[in-house]
Amino acid sequence: MKLILSAGTLYTLPLPEVFALAKETGFDGVEVIINHEFAFQDGIELLERLRQIHPINSIHAPFFPIDGWGDKIEQIKKTIRLAAATGIELVTFHPPVWLGMEFKFWNWMKKTVDFQAEVGLGQVTVALENMPLDQNLKLNPYRLASTAKLIHFLHRHNLMLTFDTAHMGSMKTNFLHDFHLLYDSGRMRNIHFSDYGHGREHLTPGQGVLPLTRFLNHLQRTEFNQGLVLELSPEEFPQGREAIKGRLTQLREYLSTETGGSGTSASMPPRCNMSV
């Protein structure tokens, strides 16, 4: 499988710097999140410059307003067009928020018979991400919150899956049963990897409560050969380029070792002291 760095992991840094760090620390590629750097442009020239630094494995459609990118439906379509134009194979998007009354978005999803043909145009794999519990409300505010409903919708609408460990862990700490149900659906094309605990998502492995090393060992025994995407919060990193680089190197070696790659240490990487 490919070990990928999510650009969101270091979103406080300029994208070229994130790409350079991914290359220097041995990640196979980067997952780009469409953010405000893409405002008022189609993004083709920007992605072409970035891929000169390091490969782009996938794109995440926006999950907040971007100037010039329209509503949620148009954001997805525009991201697909960008991926197709630049030869990037996978696009992930978030489902509608039922609590936010995103009825137009939800109706569009329900009316789409075949996401791969109608939205991906047979060129780009379109994947939906499982979403987390809201800790304040103590419920999941997104559509398709249950694993059974999610699997049913994926099959019925020919939609693929990006599986997020922290999101699933916010619902069920021991999420391995649900992971296998989703994996066995044959729909899993991408994995976002991080820890969850104490009401916080996207923690460094070992800083939350999820059985992540056991998860990676389970993953190694499957035939999954797609992207395993490290997606942490920037707050999980120390300050300074060399310290960030060292931390990313530790994390990449941990992922490589626990998935049967060429990492040098199977131990959980120690947490660096963060400057506040």
Protein backbone atom coordinates (compact mmCIF):
# COMPACT_ATOMS: atom_id res chain seq x y z
CA MET A 1 0.00 0.00 0.00
CA LYS A 2 1.03 3.62 -0.45
CA LEU A 3 1.91 5.74 2.59
CA ILE A 4 0.47 9.21 1.94
CA LEU A 5 0.65 12.49 3.84
CA SER A 6 -2.51 14.60 4.00
CA ALA A 7 -1.75 18.25 3.27
CA GLY A 8 -4.22 19.02 6.07
CA THR A 9 -1.73 17.58 8.56
CA LEU A 10 0.40 20.70 8.11
CA TYR A 11 -2.18 23.13 6.75
CA THR A 12 -0.55 26.04 8.59
CA LEU A 13 2.41 25.74 6.19
CA PRO A 14 2.45 26.71 2.50
CA LEU A 15 1.59 23.79 0.22
CA PRO A 16 5.04 23.67 -1.47
CA GLU A 17 6.63 23.26 1.97
CA VAL A 18 4.23 20.43 2.87
CA PHE A 19 5.12 18.66 -0.38
CA ALA A 20 8.85 19.10 0.25
CA LEU A 21 8.54 17.63 3.76
CA ALA A 22 6.52 14.67 2.44
CA LYS A 23 9.28 13.95 -0.07
CA GLU A 24 12.12 14.35 2.43
CA THR A 25 10.50 12.06 5.02
CA GLY A 26 9.77 9.18 2.64
CA PHE A 27 6.02 9.39 2.06
CA ASP A 28 4.90 8.05 -1.31
CA GLY A 29 2.69 11.04 -2.08
CA VAL A 30 0.35 13.73 -0.80
CA GLU A 31 -3.42 14.03 -0.48
CA VAL A 32 -4.40 17.61 -1.32
CA ILE A 33 -7.34 19.29 0.44
CA ILE A 34 -8.94 22.04 -1.62
CA ASN A 35 -8.55 25.16 0.54
CA HIS A 36 -8.46 28.92 0.15
CA GLU A 37 -5.28 28.74 -1.95
CA PHE A 38 -7.57 27.47 -4.74
CA ALA A 39 -10.01 30.41 -4.56
CA PHE A 40 -11.10 31.95 -7.88
CA GLN A 41 -9.13 29.44 -9.98
CA ASP A 42 -9.54 25.94 -11.39
CA GLY A 43 -6.39 24.78 -9.57
CA ILE A 44 -4.74 23.04 -12.54
CA GLU A 45 -1.65 25.22 -12.64
CA LEU A 46 -1.24 25.03 -8.85
CA LEU A 47 -1.43 21.23 -8.80
CA GLU A 48 1.00 20.94 -11.72
CA ARG A 49 3.54 23.03 -9.77
CA LEU A 50 3.06 20.95 -6.65
CA ARG A 51 3.41 17.61 -8.42
CA GLN A 52 6.81 18.74 -9.68
CA ILE A 53 7.85 18.49 -6.01
CA HIS A 54 6.16 15.20 -5.08
CA PRO A 55 3.33 12.97 -6.44
CA ILE A 56 -0.33 13.70 -5.67
CA ASN A 57 -2.24 10.57 -4.76
CA SER A 58 -5.72 11.99 -4.18
CA ILE A 59 -7.76 15.16 -3.67
CA HIS A 60 -10.21 15.98 -0.90
CA ALA A 61 -13.12 18.18 -2.00
CA PRO A 62 -13.71 21.31 0.11
CA PHE A 63 -15.65 20.99 3.35
CA PHE A 64 -15.96 24.75 3.86
CA PRO A 65 -16.83 27.61 1.46
CA ILE A 66 -14.16 28.46 -1.14
CA ASP A 67 -14.58 31.65 -3.16
CA GLY A 68 -15.46 30.82 -6.74
CA TRP A 69 -16.22 27.14 -6.05
CA GLY A 70 -20.00 27.32 -5.53
CA ASP A 71 -22.13 25.17 -3.24
CA LYS A 72 -21.31 21.66 -2.00
CA ILE A 73 -22.49 19.99 -5.21
CA GLU A 74 -20.51 22.29 -7.47
CA GLN A 75 -17.45 21.93 -5.21
CA ILE A 76 -17.51 18.16 -5.75
CA LYS A 77 -18.00 18.50 -9.51
CA LYS A 78 -15.23 21.09 -9.79
CA THR A 79 -12.86 18.90 -7.75
CA ILE A 80 -13.64 15.97 -10.07
CA ARG A 81 -12.89 18.11 -13.13
CA LEU A 82 -9.61 19.20 -11.57
CA ALA A 83 -8.63 15.59 -10.82
CA ALA A 84 -9.52 14.47 -14.34
CA ALA A 85 -7.54 17.32 -15.90
CA THR A 86 -4.43 16.48 -13.88
CA GLY A 87 -4.64 12.68 -13.97
CA ILE A 88 -5.35 12.20 -10.26
CA GLU A 89 -7.35 9.04 -9.66
CA LEU A 90 -9.31 9.62 -6.43
CA VAL A 91 -11.55 12.33 -4.97
CA THR A 92 -13.08 12.16 -1.48
CA PHE A 93 -16.00 14.22 -0.19
CA HIS A 94 -18.03 14.54 3.01
CA PRO A 95 -21.74 13.61 3.18
CA PRO A 96 -24.43 16.22 3.95
CA VAL A 97 -25.06 17.45 7.47
CA TRP A 98 -28.66 16.62 8.32
CA LEU A 99 -28.52 19.00 11.27
CA GLY A 100 -27.47 21.75 8.86
CA MET A 101 -30.50 21.07 6.67
CA GLU A 102 -28.44 20.40 3.53
CA PHE A 103 -31.49 19.04 1.72
CA LYS A 104 -30.45 20.06 -1.81
CA PHE A 105 -27.12 18.28 -1.39
CA TRP A 106 -28.76 15.14 0.07
CA ASN A 107 -31.40 15.01 -2.68
CA TRP A 108 -28.67 15.25 -5.32
CA MET A 109 -26.84 12.33 -3.72
CA LYS A 110 -29.99 10.21 -3.58
CA LYS A 111 -30.82 10.95 -7.23
CA THR A 112 -27.34 10.01 -8.45
CA VAL A 113 -27.68 6.41 -9.62
CA ASP A 114 -24.00 5.75 -10.42
CA PHE A 115 -21.43 8.11 -8.90
CA GLN A 116 -18.54 6.61 -10.84
CA ALA A 117 -20.22 7.08 -14.23
CA GLU A 118 -22.29 10.22 -13.62
CA VAL A 119 -19.98 12.21 -11.34
CA GLY A 120 -16.56 10.62 -11.82
CA LEU A 121 -17.23 10.39 -15.59
CA GLY A 122 -15.44 7.05 -15.67
CA GLN A 123 -12.12 8.84 -15.12
CA VAL A 124 -11.94 9.59 -11.39
CA THR A 125 -12.84 7.32 -8.45
CA VAL A 126 -15.39 9.09 -6.25
CA ALA A 127 -15.30 8.20 -2.54
CA LEU A 128 -17.45 9.19 0.43
CA GLU A 129 -15.90 9.58 3.89
CA ASN A 130 -17.44 8.23 7.11
CA MET A 131 -17.97 11.05 9.60
CA PRO A 132 -17.58 11.55 13.38
CA LEU A 133 -19.73 11.98 16.43
CA ASP A 134 -20.25 15.57 17.61
CA GLN A 135 -18.96 15.56 21.17
CA ASN A 136 -21.09 18.49 22.29
CA LEU A 137 -24.34 17.15 20.85
CA LYS A 138 -23.47 13.48 21.55
CA LEU A 139 -24.74 12.45 18.14
CA ASN A 140 -23.53 12.20 14.57
CA PRO A 141 -24.89 15.21 12.63
CA TYR A 142 -24.10 13.71 9.19
CA ARG A 143 -26.16 11.56 6.87
CA LEU A 144 -25.29 7.83 6.67
CA ALA A 145 -23.93 7.75 10.21
CA SER A 146 -24.58 4.05 10.76
CA THR A 147 -22.27 1.48 9.16
CA ALA A 148 -25.18 -0.54 7.75
CA LYS A 149 -26.80 2.49 6.09
CA LEU A 150 -23.45 3.62 4.72
CA ILE A 151 -22.71 0.23 3.14
CA HIS A 152 -26.21 0.07 1.64
CA PHE A 153 -25.86 3.55 0.11
CA LEU A 154 -22.37 2.83 -1.27
CA HIS A 155 -23.64 -0.26 -3.10
CA ARG A 156 -26.89 1.29 -4.31
CA HIS A 157 -25.20 4.39 -5.78
CA ASN A 158 -21.88 2.86 -6.89
CA LEU A 159 -19.91 5.02 -4.49
CA MET A 160 -16.51 4.16 -2.99
CA LEU A 161 -15.31 4.76 0.57
CA THR A 162 -12.59 6.71 2.34
CA PHE A 163 -12.40 5.13 5.80
CA ASP A 164 -11.37 7.49 8.62
CA THR A 165 -10.11 5.78 11.79
CA ALA A 166 -10.63 8.79 14.09
CA HIS A 167 -14.14 9.40 12.77
CA MET A 168 -15.13 5.77 13.28
CA GLY A 169 -13.34 5.71 16.64
CA SER A 170 -15.44 8.63 17.86
CA MET A 171 -18.47 6.40 17.34
CA LYS A 172 -17.00 3.07 18.48
CA THR A 173 -13.63 2.91 20.24
CA ASN A 174 -13.11 -0.72 19.23
CA PHE A 175 -14.00 -0.12 15.59
CA LEU A 176 -12.31 -3.16 14.04
CA HIS A 177 -15.60 -5.03 13.50
CA ASP A 178 -17.03 -2.09 11.55
CA PHE A 179 -13.79 -1.71 9.63
CA HIS A 180 -14.03 -5.32 8.43
CA LEU A 181 -17.70 -4.87 7.46
CA LEU A 182 -16.73 -1.85 5.38
CA TYR A 183 -13.66 -3.54 3.93
CA ASP A 184 -15.66 -6.62 2.98
CA SER A 185 -18.09 -4.40 1.08
CA GLY A 186 -15.35 -4.08 -1.55
CA ARG A 187 -15.80 -0.31 -1.56
CA MET A 188 -12.78 0.87 0.43
CA ARG A 189 -10.32 2.87 -1.69
CA ASN A 190 -8.58 5.15 0.80
CA ILE A 191 -7.88 5.31 4.56
CA HIS A 192 -7.39 8.40 6.73
CA PHE A 193 -5.25 7.41 9.71
CA SER A 194 -5.11 9.13 13.10
CA ASP A 195 -6.03 8.58 16.75
CA TYR A 196 -9.06 9.70 18.72
CA GLY A 197 -9.53 10.33 22.42
CA HIS A 198 -10.65 12.82 25.07
CA GLY A 199 -13.15 14.29 22.62
CA ARG A 200 -10.45 15.13 20.06
CA GLU A 201 -9.87 13.79 16.54
CA HIS A 202 -6.72 13.48 14.42
CA LEU A 203 -4.32 12.84 17.29
CA THR A 204 -0.89 11.25 16.91
CA PRO A 205 -1.05 7.43 17.18
CA GLY A 206 -0.78 6.50 20.85
CA GLN A 207 -2.16 9.80 22.15
CA GLY A 208 -5.77 8.65 22.00
CA VAL A 209 -7.62 5.46 22.86
CA LEU A 210 -7.91 3.62 19.54
CA PRO A 211 -6.25 0.22 18.84
CA LEU A 212 -4.29 1.63 15.91
CA THR A 213 -1.32 -0.74 15.89
CA ARG A 214 -3.76 -3.66 15.98
CA PHE A 215 -5.69 -1.96 13.16
CA LEU A 216 -2.53 -1.71 11.04
CA ASN A 217 -1.75 -5.37 11.71
CA HIS A 218 -5.29 -6.26 10.57
CA LEU A 219 -4.84 -4.07 7.50
CA GLN A 220 -1.59 -5.84 6.64
CA ARG A 221 -3.49 -9.14 6.48
CA THR A 222 -5.93 -7.78 3.90
CA GLU A 223 -5.29 -7.18 0.22
CA PHE A 224 -5.60 -3.41 0.60
CA ASN A 225 -3.12 -1.75 -1.75
CA GLN A 226 -4.46 1.80 -1.90
CA GLY A 227 -3.54 4.93 0.08
CA LEU A 228 -2.99 4.92 3.84
CA VAL A 229 -3.16 8.65 4.55
CA LEU A 230 -1.64 10.16 7.70
CA GLU A 231 -4.10 12.90 8.66
CA LEU A 232 -3.16 14.63 11.92
CA SER A 233 -3.86 18.05 13.39
CA PRO A 234 -0.99 20.57 13.03
CA GLU A 235 -1.20 20.99 16.81
CA GLU A 236 0.31 17.51 17.10
CA PHE A 237 3.66 18.77 15.82
CA PRO A 238 6.47 20.71 17.45
CA GLN A 239 7.62 24.05 16.10
CA GLY A 240 10.51 24.34 13.67
CA ARG A 241 11.11 22.65 10.34
CA GLU A 242 13.69 20.13 11.52
CA ALA A 243 11.54 19.04 14.47
CA ILE A 244 8.52 18.60 12.17
CA LYS A 245 10.67 16.66 9.72
CA GLY A 246 11.94 14.37 12.47
CA ARG A 247 8.43 13.73 13.71
CA LEU A 248 7.14 12.89 10.23
CA THR A 249 10.06 10.52 9.71
CA GLN A 250 9.20 8.66 12.94
CA LEU A 251 5.57 8.39 11.94
CA ARG A 252 6.34 7.18 8.42
CA GLU A 253 8.68 4.49 9.80
CA TYR A 254 6.00 3.38 12.27
CA LEU A 255 3.41 3.07 9.49
CA SER A 256 5.83 1.25 7.23
CA THR A 257 6.84 -1.24 9.91
CA GLU A 258 3.33 -2.05 11.11
CA THR A 259 2.06 -2.58 7.57
CA GLY A 260 4.95 -4.83 6.60
CA GLY A 261 7.09 -2.23 4.84
CA SER A 262 10.70 -1.24 5.37
CA GLY A 263 10.45 0.93 8.47
CA THR A 264 13.21 0.60 11.03
CA SER A 265 11.23 0.70 14.26
CA ALA A 266 7.99 -1.04 15.20
CA SER A 267 7.49 0.98 18.38
CA MET A 268 4.90 3.73 18.70
CA PRO A 269 6.67 7.01 17.92
CA PRO A 270 7.18 9.13 21.04
CA ARG A 271 5.37 12.44 21.30
CA CYS A 272 7.50 15.55 20.92
CA ASN A 273 7.02 18.39 23.39
CA MET A 274 4.88 21.02 21.69
CA SER A 275 5.56 24.71 22.02
CA VAL A 276 2.44 26.66 22.96
